[in-house]
Amino acid sequence: MKFLFDLGGVFFDWDPHYIYKDLLNDKEARDNFLNNICNDEWNIQQDAGRLIKDTETDLIKNYPDYEDKIKLYYKNHHRMFREIFQHSINVLDDLKNKKYECYVLSNWSLGNI
């Protein structure tokens, strides 16, 4: 038997709000930025292999007033983590100790590894 795990939401508590709450104090402005500018659709482009610098350049063309905040997204990706879910780590360790094959499925772009 083999097991496949995701990273974000399974092993790590990851959320871009963690860094942008300090950069965009107003919740409505922060939600607008993360839902409409640096959103999941944009993030998926990098997960699919597009270079971060290319997607940043394109996004900045459309939202020049947010250039500084757009450029901070991937530079601060590591700060979007708050905790490791120890229970998941324990499950993984238990499976590995029982000699099950365990794999990680990740859509993190190369620039985030």
N, C-alpha and C. Protein backbone atom coordinates (compact mmCIF):
# COMPACT_ATOMS: atom_id res chain seq x y z
N MET A 1 0.84 -1.17 0.00
CA MET A 1 0.00 0.00 0.00
C MET A 1 0.90 1.25 0.00
N LYS A 2 0.47 2.26 -0.72
CA LYS A 2 1.19 3.52 -0.82
C LYS A 2 0.30 4.66 -0.33
N PHE A 3 0.94 5.69 0.22
CA PHE A 3 0.20 6.85 0.72
C PHE A 3 0.75 8.10 0.06
N LEU A 4 -0.15 9.01 -0.27
CA LEU A 4 0.19 10.26 -0.93
C LEU A 4 -0.34 11.41 -0.07
N PHE A 5 0.53 12.35 0.23
CA PHE A 5 0.16 13.48 1.08
C PHE A 5 0.36 14.80 0.34
N ASP A 6 -0.47 15.75 0.65
CA ASP A 6 -0.27 17.13 0.22
C ASP A 6 0.51 17.83 1.33
N LEU A 7 1.01 19.02 1.06
CA LEU A 7 1.77 19.75 2.09
C LEU A 7 0.91 20.80 2.79
N GLY A 8 0.49 21.83 2.04
CA GLY A 8 -0.30 22.90 2.62
C GLY A 8 -1.65 22.41 3.09
N GLY A 9 -1.96 22.66 4.34
CA GLY A 9 -3.23 22.22 4.91
C GLY A 9 -3.18 20.82 5.49
N VAL A 10 -2.13 20.06 5.17
CA VAL A 10 -1.98 18.72 5.71
C VAL A 10 -0.81 18.69 6.71
N PHE A 11 0.35 19.14 6.27
CA PHE A 11 1.50 19.19 7.16
C PHE A 11 1.77 20.60 7.69
N PHE A 12 1.33 21.61 6.94
CA PHE A 12 1.63 22.99 7.31
C PHE A 12 0.38 23.86 7.28
N ASP A 13 0.31 24.77 8.22
CA ASP A 13 -0.72 25.80 8.22
C ASP A 13 -0.16 26.96 7.41
N TRP A 14 -0.62 27.07 6.16
CA TRP A 14 -0.12 28.09 5.23
C TRP A 14 -1.25 29.02 4.84
N ASP A 15 -0.99 30.32 4.91
CA ASP A 15 -2.00 31.30 4.54
C ASP A 15 -1.31 32.63 4.26
N PRO A 16 -1.50 33.22 3.06
CA PRO A 16 -0.86 34.50 2.75
C PRO A 16 -1.37 35.65 3.63
N HIS A 17 -2.51 35.48 4.25
CA HIS A 17 -3.02 36.53 5.15
C HIS A 17 -2.04 36.78 6.30
N TYR A 18 -1.25 35.77 6.65
CA TYR A 18 -0.32 35.93 7.77
C TYR A 18 0.67 37.06 7.55
N ILE A 19 1.12 37.26 6.32
CA ILE A 19 2.05 38.38 6.11
C ILE A 19 1.33 39.66 5.69
N TYR A 20 0.24 39.51 4.94
CA TYR A 20 -0.43 40.71 4.44
C TYR A 20 -1.26 41.42 5.49
N LYS A 21 -1.53 40.78 6.60
CA LYS A 21 -2.27 41.50 7.66
C LYS A 21 -1.43 42.63 8.22
N ASP A 22 -0.10 42.50 8.12
CA ASP A 22 0.79 43.58 8.57
C ASP A 22 1.02 44.61 7.47
N LEU A 23 0.84 44.23 6.22
CA LEU A 23 1.08 45.13 5.10
C LEU A 23 -0.17 45.87 4.67
N LEU A 24 -1.31 45.22 4.83
CA LEU A 24 -2.60 45.82 4.52
C LEU A 24 -3.47 45.68 5.75
N ASN A 25 -3.41 46.67 6.60
CA ASN A 25 -4.11 46.60 7.89
C ASN A 25 -5.63 46.51 7.74
N ASP A 26 -6.15 47.14 6.71
CA ASP A 26 -7.59 47.12 6.48
C ASP A 26 -7.99 45.76 5.90
N LYS A 27 -8.86 45.04 6.60
CA LYS A 27 -9.24 43.69 6.18
C LYS A 27 -9.88 43.68 4.80
N GLU A 28 -10.69 44.67 4.50
CA GLU A 28 -11.34 44.73 3.19
C GLU A 28 -10.31 44.91 2.08
N ALA A 29 -9.32 45.78 2.30
CA ALA A 29 -8.25 45.99 1.31
C ALA A 29 -7.40 44.73 1.15
N ARG A 30 -7.13 44.08 2.26
CA ARG A 30 -6.34 42.84 2.23
C ARG A 30 -7.09 41.74 1.49
N ASP A 31 -8.37 41.57 1.81
CA ASP A 31 -9.18 40.56 1.13
C ASP A 31 -9.27 40.85 -0.37
N ASN A 32 -9.42 42.12 -0.72
CA ASN A 32 -9.46 42.50 -2.13
C ASN A 32 -8.15 42.13 -2.83
N PHE A 33 -7.04 42.44 -2.21
CA PHE A 33 -5.74 42.13 -2.79
C PHE A 33 -5.55 40.63 -2.98
N LEU A 34 -5.86 39.85 -1.95
CA LEU A 34 -5.62 38.40 -2.01
C LEU A 34 -6.70 37.65 -2.80
N ASN A 35 -7.86 38.25 -2.97
CA ASN A 35 -8.92 37.59 -3.75
C ASN A 35 -8.92 38.00 -5.22
N ASN A 36 -8.38 39.21 -5.50
CA ASN A 36 -8.49 39.74 -6.86
C ASN A 36 -7.16 40.04 -7.55
N ILE A 37 -6.08 40.11 -6.80
CA ILE A 37 -4.79 40.44 -7.41
C ILE A 37 -3.84 39.26 -7.23
N CYS A 38 -3.29 39.08 -6.08
CA CYS A 38 -2.45 37.91 -5.79
C CYS A 38 -3.35 36.79 -5.29
N ASN A 39 -4.13 36.26 -6.20
CA ASN A 39 -5.15 35.27 -5.83
C ASN A 39 -4.72 33.86 -6.21
N ASP A 40 -5.59 32.91 -5.94
CA ASP A 40 -5.29 31.51 -6.25
C ASP A 40 -5.04 31.29 -7.73
N GLU A 41 -5.82 31.92 -8.57
CA GLU A 41 -5.65 31.77 -10.02
C GLU A 41 -4.24 32.21 -10.44
N TRP A 42 -3.78 33.32 -9.90
CA TRP A 42 -2.43 33.82 -10.19
C TRP A 42 -1.38 32.86 -9.63
N ASN A 43 -1.58 32.41 -8.42
CA ASN A 43 -0.63 31.52 -7.77
C ASN A 43 -0.49 30.19 -8.52
N ILE A 44 -1.57 29.71 -9.08
CA ILE A 44 -1.56 28.44 -9.82
C ILE A 44 -0.65 28.52 -11.04
N GLN A 45 -0.50 29.71 -11.61
CA GLN A 45 0.40 29.86 -12.76
C GLN A 45 1.83 29.47 -12.39
N GLN A 46 2.26 29.87 -11.21
CA GLN A 46 3.60 29.53 -10.75
C GLN A 46 3.67 28.04 -10.40
N ASP A 47 2.60 27.54 -9.80
CA ASP A 47 2.55 26.11 -9.47
C ASP A 47 2.65 25.26 -10.74
N ALA A 48 2.18 25.80 -11.85
CA ALA A 48 2.24 25.08 -13.13
C ALA A 48 3.59 25.23 -13.82
N GLY A 49 4.49 26.00 -13.22
CA GLY A 49 5.84 26.10 -13.77
C GLY A 49 6.22 27.45 -14.36
N ARG A 50 5.30 28.39 -14.38
CA ARG A 50 5.63 29.71 -14.91
C ARG A 50 6.59 30.40 -13.95
N LEU A 51 7.55 31.11 -14.51
CA LEU A 51 8.53 31.80 -13.67
C LEU A 51 7.87 32.91 -12.86
N ILE A 52 8.26 32.98 -11.61
CA ILE A 52 7.69 33.98 -10.70
C ILE A 52 7.93 35.38 -11.24
N LYS A 53 9.13 35.67 -11.72
CA LYS A 53 9.42 37.03 -12.21
C LYS A 53 8.51 37.40 -13.38
N ASP A 54 8.15 36.43 -14.23
CA ASP A 54 7.27 36.71 -15.36
C ASP A 54 5.85 37.01 -14.90
N THR A 55 5.35 36.24 -13.96
CA THR A 55 3.98 36.48 -13.50
C THR A 55 3.90 37.77 -12.68
N GLU A 56 4.96 38.08 -11.94
CA GLU A 56 4.99 39.35 -11.21
C GLU A 56 4.95 40.51 -12.19
N THR A 57 5.77 40.44 -13.24
CA THR A 57 5.82 41.52 -14.23
C THR A 57 4.46 41.74 -14.87
N ASP A 58 3.80 40.65 -15.26
CA ASP A 58 2.48 40.77 -15.88
C ASP A 58 1.45 41.34 -14.92
N LEU A 59 1.49 40.91 -13.68
CA LEU A 59 0.53 41.39 -12.70
C LEU A 59 0.76 42.87 -12.38
N ILE A 60 2.00 43.27 -12.30
CA ILE A 60 2.33 44.67 -12.01
C ILE A 60 1.86 45.58 -13.14
N LYS A 61 1.90 45.09 -14.38
CA LYS A 61 1.38 45.88 -15.50
C LYS A 61 -0.09 46.21 -15.30
N ASN A 62 -0.84 45.24 -14.75
CA ASN A 62 -2.27 45.44 -14.52
C ASN A 62 -2.58 46.19 -13.23
N TYR A 63 -1.69 46.08 -12.25
CA TYR A 63 -1.91 46.69 -10.93
C TYR A 63 -0.65 47.42 -10.47
N PRO A 64 -0.23 48.48 -11.17
CA PRO A 64 1.03 49.15 -10.82
C PRO A 64 1.04 49.75 -9.41
N ASP A 65 -0.11 50.11 -8.89
CA ASP A 65 -0.16 50.68 -7.53
C ASP A 65 0.18 49.65 -6.45
N TYR A 66 0.16 48.38 -6.81
CA TYR A 66 0.42 47.30 -5.86
C TYR A 66 1.78 46.63 -6.10
N GLU A 67 2.64 47.26 -6.87
CA GLU A 67 3.92 46.64 -7.23
C GLU A 67 4.68 46.15 -6.01
N ASP A 68 4.82 46.97 -5.00
CA ASP A 68 5.59 46.57 -3.82
C ASP A 68 4.96 45.35 -3.13
N LYS A 69 3.65 45.32 -3.04
CA LYS A 69 2.97 44.21 -2.36
C LYS A 69 2.99 42.93 -3.21
N ILE A 70 2.93 43.08 -4.51
CA ILE A 70 3.03 41.92 -5.40
C ILE A 70 4.41 41.28 -5.27
N LYS A 71 5.43 42.09 -5.26
CA LYS A 71 6.80 41.58 -5.17
C LYS A 71 7.10 40.95 -3.81
N LEU A 72 6.34 41.30 -2.80
CA LEU A 72 6.55 40.73 -1.48
C LEU A 72 5.95 39.33 -1.32
N TYR A 73 5.04 38.96 -2.22
CA TYR A 73 4.33 37.69 -2.08
C TYR A 73 5.31 36.52 -2.03
N TYR A 74 6.10 36.34 -3.03
CA TYR A 74 7.00 35.18 -3.04
C TYR A 74 8.27 35.40 -2.24
N LYS A 75 8.68 36.62 -2.09
CA LYS A 75 9.85 36.89 -1.24
C LYS A 75 9.56 36.52 0.21
N ASN A 76 8.31 36.54 0.58
CA ASN A 76 7.90 36.25 1.96
C ASN A 76 7.09 34.98 2.08
N HIS A 77 7.18 34.12 1.10
CA HIS A 77 6.39 32.89 1.10
C HIS A 77 6.61 32.09 2.38
N HIS A 78 7.84 32.03 2.85
CA HIS A 78 8.16 31.27 4.07
C HIS A 78 7.46 31.84 5.30
N ARG A 79 7.10 33.11 5.27
CA ARG A 79 6.41 33.73 6.41
C ARG A 79 4.91 33.46 6.40
N MET A 80 4.44 32.75 5.38
CA MET A 80 3.02 32.41 5.30
C MET A 80 2.70 31.13 6.07
N PHE A 81 3.70 30.55 6.68
CA PHE A 81 3.52 29.34 7.49
C PHE A 81 3.45 29.73 8.96
N ARG A 82 2.51 29.15 9.68
CA ARG A 82 2.38 29.43 11.11
C ARG A 82 2.74 28.23 11.96
N GLU A 83 2.40 27.07 11.51
CA GLU A 83 2.70 25.90 12.35
C GLU A 83 2.78 24.65 11.49
N ILE A 84 3.39 23.66 12.07
CA ILE A 84 3.42 22.33 11.49
C ILE A 84 2.36 21.52 12.21
N PHE A 85 1.59 20.76 11.47
CA PHE A 85 0.57 19.92 12.08
C PHE A 85 1.22 18.63 12.56
N GLN A 86 1.55 18.60 13.82
CA GLN A 86 2.30 17.48 14.39
C GLN A 86 1.55 16.15 14.24
N HIS A 87 0.24 16.18 14.35
CA HIS A 87 -0.53 14.94 14.21
C HIS A 87 -0.27 14.31 12.83
N SER A 88 -0.22 15.12 11.80
CA SER A 88 0.07 14.61 10.45
C SER A 88 1.48 14.04 10.36
N ILE A 89 2.42 14.70 11.00
CA ILE A 89 3.80 14.20 11.03
C ILE A 89 3.84 12.85 11.74
N ASN A 90 3.09 12.73 12.83
CA ASN A 90 3.05 11.47 13.57
C ASN A 90 2.46 10.34 12.71
N VAL A 91 1.43 10.65 11.95
CA VAL A 91 0.82 9.65 11.07
C VAL A 91 1.84 9.23 10.01
N LEU A 92 2.53 10.20 9.43
CA LEU A 92 3.56 9.89 8.43
C LEU A 92 4.66 9.01 9.03
N ASP A 93 5.15 9.39 10.19
CA ASP A 93 6.19 8.59 10.86
C ASP A 93 5.71 7.17 11.12
N ASP A 94 4.48 7.03 11.57
CA ASP A 94 3.94 5.70 11.85
C ASP A 94 3.87 4.85 10.58
N LEU A 95 3.42 5.45 9.50
CA LEU A 95 3.34 4.72 8.23
C LEU A 95 4.73 4.32 7.73
N LYS A 96 5.67 5.23 7.84
CA LYS A 96 7.04 4.92 7.40
C LYS A 96 7.67 3.83 8.26
N ASN A 97 7.41 3.86 9.56
CA ASN A 97 7.92 2.82 10.46
C ASN A 97 7.34 1.45 10.13
N LYS A 98 6.14 1.46 9.58
CA LYS A 98 5.49 0.21 9.17
C LYS A 98 5.88 -0.18 7.74
N LYS A 99 6.84 0.57 7.19
CA LYS A 99 7.42 0.29 5.86
C LYS A 99 6.46 0.55 4.68
N TYR A 100 5.47 1.42 4.89
CA TYR A 100 4.62 1.83 3.78
C TYR A 100 5.37 2.87 2.95
N GLU A 101 5.12 2.86 1.65
CA GLU A 101 5.70 3.88 0.78
C GLU A 101 4.87 5.15 0.94
N CYS A 102 5.55 6.26 1.19
CA CYS A 102 4.88 7.54 1.39
C CYS A 102 5.46 8.57 0.43
N TYR A 103 4.57 9.35 -0.17
CA TYR A 103 4.97 10.35 -1.15
C TYR A 103 4.28 11.67 -0.84
N VAL A 104 4.86 12.74 -1.36
CA VAL A 104 4.28 14.07 -1.22
C VAL A 104 3.88 14.55 -2.60
N LEU A 105 2.68 15.06 -2.69
CA LEU A 105 2.20 15.71 -3.90
C LEU A 105 2.23 17.20 -3.62
N SER A 106 3.00 17.92 -4.40
CA SER A 106 3.12 19.35 -4.13
C SER A 106 2.94 20.14 -5.41
N ASN A 107 2.22 21.21 -5.30
CA ASN A 107 2.12 22.13 -6.43
C ASN A 107 2.91 23.40 -6.14
N TRP A 108 3.82 23.35 -5.18
CA TRP A 108 4.65 24.51 -4.90
C TRP A 108 5.61 24.71 -6.06
N SER A 109 5.71 25.95 -6.49
CA SER A 109 6.60 26.23 -7.61
C SER A 109 8.04 26.12 -7.16
N LEU A 110 8.93 25.94 -8.13
CA LEU A 110 10.35 25.76 -7.87
C LEU A 110 10.90 26.92 -7.03
N GLY A 111 10.39 28.11 -7.24
CA GLY A 111 10.85 29.28 -6.50
C GLY A 111 10.50 29.25 -5.02
N ASN A 112 9.64 28.32 -4.61
CA ASN A 112 9.21 28.25 -3.21
C ASN A 112 9.84 27.10 -2.45
N ILE A 113 10.61 26.30 -3.12
CA ILE A 113 11.17 25.11 -2.47
C ILE A 113 12.51 25.45 -1.86
